Amino acid sequence: MPLDLIQTELGRERRELTEKVEALNARFRHHSAHDVMHGALEEAGNLALVSSFGAESVVLLHMAAVVDKATPVLFIDTMMLFTETLEYQHEVSERLGLKNVQIIRADDEDIQREDPYGALRLRDMDACCNLRKTFPLQRALAGYEGWITGRKRFQSGTRATLEFFEVEDGTGRIKVNPLAHWAPQDVRAYMEENRLPRHPLVAKGYPSIGCAPCTSPVKDGEDPRAGRWRDQNKEECGIHFVDGKMVRSGEKT
């Protein structure tokens, strides 16, 4: 097919996807997170839920399980996670009856070539995140039309304008953020009302949990994500970037 026809077709597909996302946002603008989750799984295409099984992940996992316990759940094991996170993943999956949890890891050959001694993070944190999280996730998402995330507006400045539905630039996929408008107290209330198990590290001062070498406890009064990549000019692991750029709804990148 000639290049101009390919570009025309891609432009048409992009417009159709944008229109679909805009329609979904308009439809669910005043609806609950449960409604967004149900609508996404029923109407937004073949989706996977991406979960870190971190401090607040159980909320989204529970919502998905209520709609469909067979919802694909992608769990990225960076091989640098806390032991508590791995144990929590097993506990939550069993408690909620999740039937399709897929463990995603970097290829052994890539690890041996790029980070055989596990020290890449010491000289290039972004490269380490790309190797162990971003690239494996992109490969895993190749068979899906979109993915569901647990991102919330209050978590960081880069998420302040987050919408329920987004078009992920560069991939042609939809991203769904059912908890976008939730506040910290909403998360706590949901977990308490549904008697959901808490990540064991939360009680030890870890309100946001990533890889063990790059996560530290948070002191009273600090931002909940202050313990992620402490003292580094870094707010995101990279899975919400495309071609090195932050993906934001309604903003140019």
C-alpha atoms as a PDB file:
ATOM      1  CA  MET A   1       0.000   0.000   0.000  1.00  0.00           C
ATOM      2  CA  PRO A   2       1.380   3.466  -0.880  1.00  0.00           C
ATOM      3  CA  LEU A   3       2.701   5.527   2.039  1.00  0.00           C
ATOM      4  CA  ASP A   4       0.098   8.251   1.637  1.00  0.00           C
ATOM      5  CA  LEU A   5      -2.722   5.694   1.832  1.00  0.00           C
ATOM      6  CA  ILE A   6      -1.149   4.138   4.942  1.00  0.00           C
ATOM      7  CA  GLN A   7      -0.944   7.555   6.596  1.00  0.00           C
ATOM      8  CA  THR A   8      -4.540   8.288   5.636  1.00  0.00           C
ATOM      9  CA  GLU A   9      -5.697   4.983   7.129  1.00  0.00           C
ATOM     10  CA  LEU A  10      -3.726   5.557  10.343  1.00  0.00           C
ATOM     11  CA  GLY A  11      -5.196   9.032  10.615  1.00  0.00           C
ATOM     12  CA  ARG A  12      -8.692   7.654  10.220  1.00  0.00           C
ATOM     13  CA  GLU A  13      -8.121   5.007  12.879  1.00  0.00           C
ATOM     14  CA  ARG A  14      -6.696   7.619  15.234  1.00  0.00           C
ATOM     15  CA  ARG A  15      -9.733   9.878  14.745  1.00  0.00           C
ATOM     16  CA  GLU A  16     -12.127   7.002  15.341  1.00  0.00           C
ATOM     17  CA  LEU A  17     -10.303   6.003  18.529  1.00  0.00           C
ATOM     18  CA  THR A  18     -10.237   9.595  19.761  1.00  0.00           C
ATOM     19  CA  GLU A  19     -13.956   9.935  19.108  1.00  0.00           C
ATOM     20  CA  LYS A  20     -14.605   6.682  20.965  1.00  0.00           C
ATOM     21  CA  VAL A  21     -12.606   7.861  23.996  1.00  0.00           C
ATOM     22  CA  GLU A  22     -14.319  11.254  23.994  1.00  0.00           C
ATOM     23  CA  ALA A  23     -17.716   9.557  23.864  1.00  0.00           C
ATOM     24  CA  LEU A  24     -16.807   7.245  26.748  1.00  0.00           C
ATOM     25  CA  ASN A  25     -15.561  10.152  28.869  1.00  0.00           C
ATOM     26  CA  ALA A  26     -18.750  12.105  28.162  1.00  0.00           C
ATOM     27  CA  ARG A  27     -20.921   9.122  28.983  1.00  0.00           C
ATOM     28  CA  PHE A  28     -19.203   8.198  32.241  1.00  0.00           C
ATOM     29  CA  ARG A  29     -18.237  11.712  33.383  1.00  0.00           C
ATOM     30  CA  HIS A  30     -20.492  11.622  36.448  1.00  0.00           C
ATOM     31  CA  HIS A  31     -20.431   7.878  37.044  1.00  0.00           C
ATOM     32  CA  SER A  32     -18.696   5.818  39.695  1.00  0.00           C
ATOM     33  CA  ALA A  33     -15.429   3.943  39.382  1.00  0.00           C
ATOM     34  CA  HIS A  34     -17.457   0.710  39.357  1.00  0.00           C
ATOM     35  CA  ASP A  35     -19.439   1.962  36.371  1.00  0.00           C
ATOM     36  CA  VAL A  36     -16.242   2.919  34.542  1.00  0.00           C
ATOM     37  CA  MET A  37     -14.735  -0.505  35.201  1.00  0.00           C
ATOM     38  CA  HIS A  38     -17.864  -2.302  34.037  1.00  0.00           C
ATOM     39  CA  GLY A  39     -18.224  -0.098  30.976  1.00  0.00           C
ATOM     40  CA  ALA A  40     -14.570  -0.528  30.054  1.00  0.00           C
ATOM     41  CA  LEU A  41     -14.655  -4.310  30.240  1.00  0.00           C
ATOM     42  CA  GLU A  42     -17.959  -4.481  28.374  1.00  0.00           C
ATOM     43  CA  GLU A  43     -17.494  -1.796  25.726  1.00  0.00           C
ATOM     44  CA  ALA A  44     -13.875  -0.629  25.347  1.00  0.00           C
ATOM     45  CA  GLY A  45     -12.513  -3.732  23.639  1.00  0.00           C
ATOM     46  CA  ASN A  46     -10.112  -6.473  24.682  1.00  0.00           C
ATOM     47  CA  LEU A  47      -8.483  -5.026  27.816  1.00  0.00           C
ATOM     48  CA  ALA A  48      -5.973  -6.170  30.418  1.00  0.00           C
ATOM     49  CA  LEU A  49      -5.634  -4.799  33.927  1.00  0.00           C
ATOM     50  CA  VAL A  50      -2.027  -3.926  34.767  1.00  0.00           C
ATOM     51  CA  SER A  51      -1.334  -4.228  38.488  1.00  0.00           C
ATOM     52  CA  SER A  52       1.743  -3.796  40.669  1.00  0.00           C
ATOM     53  CA  PHE A  53      -0.031  -5.457  43.622  1.00  0.00           C
ATOM     54  CA  GLY A  54       1.172  -2.438  45.560  1.00  0.00           C
ATOM     55  CA  ALA A  55      -0.295  -0.399  48.385  1.00  0.00           C
ATOM     56  CA  GLU A  56      -3.635   0.438  46.724  1.00  0.00           C
ATOM     57  CA  SER A  57      -3.828  -2.149  43.943  1.00  0.00           C
ATOM     58  CA  VAL A  58      -6.342  -4.381  45.686  1.00  0.00           C
ATOM     59  CA  VAL A  59      -9.113  -1.820  45.113  1.00  0.00           C
ATOM     60  CA  LEU A  60      -8.936  -2.006  41.323  1.00  0.00           C
ATOM     61  CA  LEU A  61      -8.397  -5.764  41.405  1.00  0.00           C
ATOM     62  CA  HIS A  62     -11.518  -6.190  43.531  1.00  0.00           C
ATOM     63  CA  MET A  63     -13.582  -4.060  41.139  1.00  0.00           C
ATOM     64  CA  ALA A  64     -12.414  -6.120  38.188  1.00  0.00           C
ATOM     65  CA  ALA A  65     -13.143  -9.376  40.013  1.00  0.00           C
ATOM     66  CA  VAL A  66     -16.695  -8.218  40.748  1.00  0.00           C
ATOM     67  CA  VAL A  67     -17.288  -7.681  37.014  1.00  0.00           C
ATOM     68  CA  ASP A  68     -15.355 -10.691  35.702  1.00  0.00           C
ATOM     69  CA  LYS A  69     -12.877 -12.845  37.621  1.00  0.00           C
ATOM     70  CA  ALA A  70     -11.363 -13.930  34.303  1.00  0.00           C
ATOM     71  CA  THR A  71     -10.220 -10.385  33.471  1.00  0.00           C
ATOM     72  CA  PRO A  72      -6.576 -10.612  32.319  1.00  0.00           C
ATOM     73  CA  VAL A  73      -4.296  -9.216  35.047  1.00  0.00           C
ATOM     74  CA  LEU A  74      -0.704  -8.429  34.089  1.00  0.00           C
ATOM     75  CA  PHE A  75       1.721  -8.402  37.024  1.00  0.00           C
ATOM     76  CA  ILE A  76       5.230  -7.216  36.211  1.00  0.00           C
ATOM     77  CA  ASP A  77       7.798  -9.061  38.293  1.00  0.00           C
ATOM     78  CA  THR A  78      10.966  -6.988  37.935  1.00  0.00           C
ATOM     79  CA  MET A  79      12.873  -9.568  39.976  1.00  0.00           C
ATOM     80  CA  MET A  80      13.706  -6.698  42.334  1.00  0.00           C
ATOM     81  CA  LEU A  81      10.393  -6.579  44.186  1.00  0.00           C
ATOM     82  CA  PHE A  82       9.967  -6.877  47.940  1.00  0.00           C
ATOM     83  CA  THR A  83       9.298 -10.418  49.131  1.00  0.00           C
ATOM     84  CA  GLU A  84       6.194  -8.988  50.788  1.00  0.00           C
ATOM     85  CA  THR A  85       4.863  -7.897  47.387  1.00  0.00           C
ATOM     86  CA  LEU A  86       5.286 -11.369  45.906  1.00  0.00           C
ATOM     87  CA  GLU A  87       3.519 -12.927  48.874  1.00  0.00           C
ATOM     88  CA  TYR A  88       0.770 -10.305  48.708  1.00  0.00           C
ATOM     89  CA  GLN A  89       0.223 -11.046  45.022  1.00  0.00           C
ATOM     90  CA  HIS A  90      -0.478 -14.682  45.830  1.00  0.00           C
ATOM     91  CA  GLU A  91      -2.743 -13.787  48.762  1.00  0.00           C
ATOM     92  CA  VAL A  92      -4.843 -11.231  46.864  1.00  0.00           C
ATOM     93  CA  SER A  93      -5.168 -13.387  43.743  1.00  0.00           C
ATOM     94  CA  GLU A  94      -6.449 -16.286  45.820  1.00  0.00           C
ATOM     95  CA  ARG A  95      -8.706 -14.144  48.005  1.00  0.00           C
ATOM     96  CA  LEU A  96     -10.395 -12.483  45.013  1.00  0.00           C
ATOM     97  CA  GLY A  97     -10.519 -15.625  42.900  1.00  0.00           C
ATOM     98  CA  LEU A  98      -8.642 -14.040  40.005  1.00  0.00           C
ATOM     99  CA  LYS A  99      -8.478 -16.615  37.211  1.00  0.00           C
ATOM    100  CA  ASN A 100      -6.125 -15.011  34.704  1.00  0.00           C
ATOM    101  CA  VAL A 101      -3.108 -13.480  36.450  1.00  0.00           C
ATOM    102  CA  GLN A 102      -0.124 -13.390  34.085  1.00  0.00           C
ATOM    103  CA  ILE A 103       3.386 -12.926  35.505  1.00  0.00           C
ATOM    104  CA  ILE A 104       5.391 -10.675  33.191  1.00  0.00           C
ATOM    105  CA  ARG A 105       9.196 -10.613  33.326  1.00  0.00           C
ATOM    106  CA  ALA A 106      12.034  -9.361  31.154  1.00  0.00           C
ATOM    107  CA  ASP A 107      13.600 -11.932  28.848  1.00  0.00           C
ATOM    108  CA  ASP A 108      16.549 -13.752  30.416  1.00  0.00           C
ATOM    109  CA  GLU A 109      18.712 -12.883  27.428  1.00  0.00           C
ATOM    110  CA  ASP A 110      17.939  -9.177  27.821  1.00  0.00           C
ATOM    111  CA  ILE A 111      18.802  -9.302  31.523  1.00  0.00           C
ATOM    112  CA  GLN A 112      22.083 -11.100  30.881  1.00  0.00           C
ATOM    113  CA  ARG A 113      23.027  -8.636  28.165  1.00  0.00           C
ATOM    114  CA  GLU A 114      21.942  -5.384  29.823  1.00  0.00           C
ATOM    115  CA  ASP A 115      22.082  -6.001  33.580  1.00  0.00           C
ATOM    116  CA  PRO A 116      23.774  -9.299  34.495  1.00  0.00           C
ATOM    117  CA  TYR A 117      24.794  -8.090  37.967  1.00  0.00           C
ATOM    118  CA  GLY A 118      21.646  -6.141  38.853  1.00  0.00           C
ATOM    119  CA  ALA A 119      23.567  -2.871  39.015  1.00  0.00           C
ATOM    120  CA  LEU A 120      22.096  -1.012  36.040  1.00  0.00           C
ATOM    121  CA  ARG A 121      19.902   1.051  38.369  1.00  0.00           C
ATOM    122  CA  LEU A 122      23.002   2.564  39.997  1.00  0.00           C
ATOM    123  CA  ARG A 123      24.092   4.307  36.799  1.00  0.00           C
ATOM    124  CA  ASP A 124      20.811   4.672  34.898  1.00  0.00           C
ATOM    125  CA  MET A 125      17.492   4.248  36.716  1.00  0.00           C
ATOM    126  CA  ASP A 126      15.428   4.926  33.606  1.00  0.00           C
ATOM    127  CA  ALA A 127      17.271   2.232  31.664  1.00  0.00           C
ATOM    128  CA  CYS A 128      16.649  -0.224  34.497  1.00  0.00           C
ATOM    129  CA  CYS A 129      12.916   0.584  34.525  1.00  0.00           C
ATOM    130  CA  ASN A 130      12.775   0.230  30.757  1.00  0.00           C
ATOM    131  CA  LEU A 131      14.504  -3.147  30.835  1.00  0.00           C
ATOM    132  CA  ARG A 132      12.548  -4.637  33.715  1.00  0.00           C
ATOM    133  CA  LYS A 133       9.141  -2.967  33.390  1.00  0.00           C
ATOM    134  CA  THR A 134       8.422  -0.894  30.302  1.00  0.00           C
ATOM    135  CA  PHE A 135       9.628  -3.223  27.545  1.00  0.00           C
ATOM    136  CA  PRO A 136       8.178  -6.417  29.084  1.00  0.00           C
ATOM    137  CA  LEU A 137       4.829  -4.694  29.578  1.00  0.00           C
ATOM    138  CA  GLN A 138       4.713  -3.371  26.019  1.00  0.00           C
ATOM    139  CA  ARG A 139       5.351  -6.873  24.722  1.00  0.00           C
ATOM    140  CA  ALA A 140       2.615  -8.280  26.946  1.00  0.00           C
ATOM    141  CA  LEU A 141       0.126  -5.608  25.873  1.00  0.00           C
ATOM    142  CA  ALA A 142       0.677  -6.272  22.168  1.00  0.00           C
ATOM    143  CA  GLY A 143      -2.322  -8.597  22.075  1.00  0.00           C
ATOM    144  CA  TYR A 144      -4.724  -6.166  23.751  1.00  0.00           C
ATOM    145  CA  GLU A 145      -6.695  -3.152  22.550  1.00  0.00           C
ATOM    146  CA  GLY A 146      -6.139  -1.303  25.806  1.00  0.00           C
ATOM    147  CA  TRP A 147      -5.292  -1.539  29.485  1.00  0.00           C
ATOM    148  CA  ILE A 148      -6.693  -0.557  32.865  1.00  0.00           C
ATOM    149  CA  THR A 149      -4.505   1.310  35.351  1.00  0.00           C
ATOM    150  CA  GLY A 150      -4.809   2.370  38.980  1.00  0.00           C
ATOM    151  CA  ARG A 151      -3.530   5.908  38.399  1.00  0.00           C
ATOM    152  CA  LYS A 152      -5.181   8.743  40.320  1.00  0.00           C
ATOM    153  CA  ARG A 153      -4.995  12.506  39.973  1.00  0.00           C
ATOM    154  CA  PHE A 154      -3.758  13.081  43.520  1.00  0.00           C
ATOM    155  CA  GLN A 155      -0.657  10.916  43.115  1.00  0.00           C
ATOM    156  CA  SER A 156       1.559  13.432  41.297  1.00  0.00           C
ATOM    157  CA  GLY A 157       1.547  16.623  39.266  1.00  0.00           C
ATOM    158  CA  THR A 158       1.956  14.668  36.052  1.00  0.00           C
ATOM    159  CA  ARG A 159      -1.427  13.007  36.728  1.00  0.00           C
ATOM    160  CA  ALA A 160      -3.391  16.118  37.712  1.00  0.00           C
ATOM    161  CA  THR A 161      -5.556  16.197  34.557  1.00  0.00           C
ATOM    162  CA  LEU A 162      -6.127  12.457  34.270  1.00  0.00           C
ATOM    163  CA  GLU A 163      -9.395  11.358  32.634  1.00  0.00           C
ATOM    164  CA  PHE A 164     -11.243   8.034  32.879  1.00  0.00           C
ATOM    165  CA  PHE A 165     -10.367   7.129  29.294  1.00  0.00           C
ATOM    166  CA  GLU A 166      -7.301   8.114  27.271  1.00  0.00           C
ATOM    167  CA  VAL A 167      -5.769   7.409  23.895  1.00  0.00           C
ATOM    168  CA  GLU A 168      -2.230   6.149  24.365  1.00  0.00           C
ATOM    169  CA  ASP A 169      -0.129   8.006  21.815  1.00  0.00           C
ATOM    170  CA  GLY A 170       2.028   5.870  19.594  1.00  0.00           C
ATOM    171  CA  THR A 171       0.271   2.574  20.283  1.00  0.00           C
ATOM    172  CA  GLY A 172      -3.349   2.947  19.219  1.00  0.00           C
ATOM    173  CA  ARG A 173      -4.517   1.575  22.565  1.00  0.00           C
ATOM    174  CA  ILE A 174      -7.013   2.883  25.094  1.00  0.00           C
ATOM    175  CA  LYS A 175      -5.982   3.459  28.701  1.00  0.00           C
ATOM    176  CA  VAL A 176      -8.654   3.311  31.371  1.00  0.00           C
ATOM    177  CA  ASN A 177      -8.261   4.957  34.788  1.00  0.00           C
ATOM    178  CA  PRO A 178     -11.376   4.097  36.848  1.00  0.00           C
ATOM    179  CA  LEU A 179      -9.946   5.663  40.029  1.00  0.00           C
ATOM    180  CA  ALA A 180      -8.778   8.892  38.370  1.00  0.00           C
ATOM    181  CA  HIS A 181     -10.968  11.147  40.515  1.00  0.00           C
ATOM    182  CA  TRP A 182     -10.572   9.297  43.803  1.00  0.00           C
ATOM    183  CA  ALA A 183      -8.966  10.880  46.874  1.00  0.00           C
ATOM    184  CA  PRO A 184      -6.871   8.960  49.442  1.00  0.00           C
ATOM    185  CA  GLN A 185      -9.852   8.708  51.790  1.00  0.00           C
ATOM    186  CA  ASP A 186     -11.903   7.048  49.042  1.00  0.00           C
ATOM    187  CA  VAL A 187      -9.273   4.328  48.714  1.00  0.00           C
ATOM    188  CA  ARG A 188      -9.166   3.724  52.461  1.00  0.00           C
ATOM    189  CA  ALA A 189     -12.951   3.650  52.746  1.00  0.00           C
ATOM    190  CA  TYR A 190     -13.328   1.144  49.909  1.00  0.00           C
ATOM    191  CA  MET A 191     -10.740  -1.187  51.403  1.00  0.00           C
ATOM    192  CA  GLU A 192     -12.374  -1.028  54.826  1.00  0.00           C
ATOM    193  CA  GLU A 193     -15.931  -1.480  53.533  1.00  0.00           C
ATOM    194  CA  ASN A 194     -14.931  -4.525  51.489  1.00  0.00           C
ATOM    195  CA  ARG A 195     -12.524  -5.900  54.099  1.00  0.00           C
ATOM    196  CA  LEU A 196      -9.683  -6.088  51.618  1.00  0.00           C
ATOM    197  CA  PRO A 197      -6.201  -7.156  52.756  1.00  0.00           C
ATOM    198  CA  ARG A 198      -3.590  -4.421  52.977  1.00  0.00           C
ATOM    199  CA  HIS A 199      -0.065  -4.728  51.661  1.00  0.00           C
ATOM    200  CA  PRO A 200       2.069  -5.585  54.727  1.00  0.00           C
ATOM    201  CA  LEU A 201       4.590  -2.815  53.992  1.00  0.00           C
ATOM    202  CA  VAL A 202       1.972  -0.055  54.327  1.00  0.00           C
ATOM    203  CA  ALA A 203       2.034  -0.466  58.111  1.00  0.00           C
ATOM    204  CA  LYS A 204       5.814  -0.053  57.989  1.00  0.00           C
ATOM    205  CA  GLY A 205       5.676   3.376  56.345  1.00  0.00           C
ATOM    206  CA  TYR A 206       5.476   2.510  52.645  1.00  0.00           C
ATOM    207  CA  PRO A 207       2.352   4.185  51.173  1.00  0.00           C
ATOM    208  CA  SER A 208       3.686   3.686  47.618  1.00  0.00           C
ATOM    209  CA  ILE A 209       5.594   0.519  46.800  1.00  0.00           C
ATOM    210  CA  GLY A 210       7.818  -0.316  43.859  1.00  0.00           C
ATOM    211  CA  CYS A 211      11.101  -2.188  43.542  1.00  0.00           C
ATOM    212  CA  ALA A 212      12.915  -2.789  46.825  1.00  0.00           C
ATOM    213  CA  PRO A 213      16.175  -0.955  45.933  1.00  0.00           C
ATOM    214  CA  CYS A 214      14.295   2.167  44.788  1.00  0.00           C
ATOM    215  CA  THR A 215      11.603   2.429  47.488  1.00  0.00           C
ATOM    216  CA  SER A 216      12.062   3.828  50.976  1.00  0.00           C
ATOM    217  CA  PRO A 217       9.738   4.561  53.920  1.00  0.00           C
ATOM    218  CA  VAL A 218       7.903   7.888  53.983  1.00  0.00           C
ATOM    219  CA  LYS A 219       7.936  10.201  56.996  1.00  0.00           C
ATOM    220  CA  ASP A 220       4.864  11.940  58.419  1.00  0.00           C
ATOM    221  CA  GLY A 221       3.983  14.953  56.322  1.00  0.00           C
ATOM    222  CA  GLU A 222       5.820  13.789  53.212  1.00  0.00           C
ATOM    223  CA  ASP A 223       4.136  13.184  49.882  1.00  0.00           C
ATOM    224  CA  PRO A 224       2.980   9.545  49.705  1.00  0.00           C
ATOM    225  CA  ARG A 225       5.258   8.951  46.695  1.00  0.00           C
ATOM    226  CA  ALA A 226       8.287  10.630  48.261  1.00  0.00           C
ATOM    227  CA  GLY A 227       9.793   7.227  48.913  1.00  0.00           C
ATOM    228  CA  ARG A 228       9.842   6.310  45.230  1.00  0.00           C
ATOM    229  CA  TRP A 229      13.243   7.108  43.688  1.00  0.00           C
ATOM    230  CA  ARG A 230      14.056   9.364  46.641  1.00  0.00           C
ATOM    231  CA  ASP A 231      16.343  12.315  45.842  1.00  0.00           C
ATOM    232  CA  GLN A 232      16.126  11.537  42.131  1.00  0.00           C
ATOM    233  CA  ASN A 233      14.554  13.662  39.401  1.00  0.00           C
ATOM    234  CA  LYS A 234      12.060  10.930  38.640  1.00  0.00           C
ATOM    235  CA  GLU A 235       8.310  10.523  39.256  1.00  0.00           C
ATOM    236  CA  GLU A 236       7.306   7.644  36.976  1.00  0.00           C
ATOM    237  CA  CYS A 237       8.768   4.213  36.266  1.00  0.00           C
ATOM    238  CA  GLY A 238       8.173   4.644  32.544  1.00  0.00           C
ATOM    239  CA  ILE A 239       5.237   2.371  31.799  1.00  0.00           C
ATOM    240  CA  HIS A 240       3.099   5.466  31.215  1.00  0.00           C
ATOM    241  CA  PHE A 241       5.545   6.900  28.688  1.00  0.00           C
ATOM    242  CA  VAL A 242       5.672   6.389  24.929  1.00  0.00           C
ATOM    243  CA  ASP A 243       8.908   7.119  23.106  1.00  0.00           C
ATOM    244  CA  GLY A 244      10.298   8.671  26.254  1.00  0.00           C
ATOM    245  CA  LYS A 245       7.404  11.109  26.690  1.00  0.00           C
ATOM    246  CA  MET A 246       4.764  11.259  29.383  1.00  0.00           C
ATOM    247  CA  VAL A 247       1.370  10.289  28.029  1.00  0.00           C
ATOM    248  CA  ARG A 248      -1.259  12.764  29.196  1.00  0.00           C
ATOM    249  CA  SER A 249      -4.853  13.048  28.098  1.00  0.00           C
ATOM    250  CA  GLY A 250      -5.662  16.287  26.371  1.00  0.00           C
ATOM    251  CA  GLU A 251      -2.057  17.512  26.247  1.00  0.00           C
ATOM    252  CA  LYS A 252       0.489  17.673  23.515  1.00  0.00           C
ATOM    253  CA  THR A 253       3.597  15.575  24.019  1.00  0.00           C
END
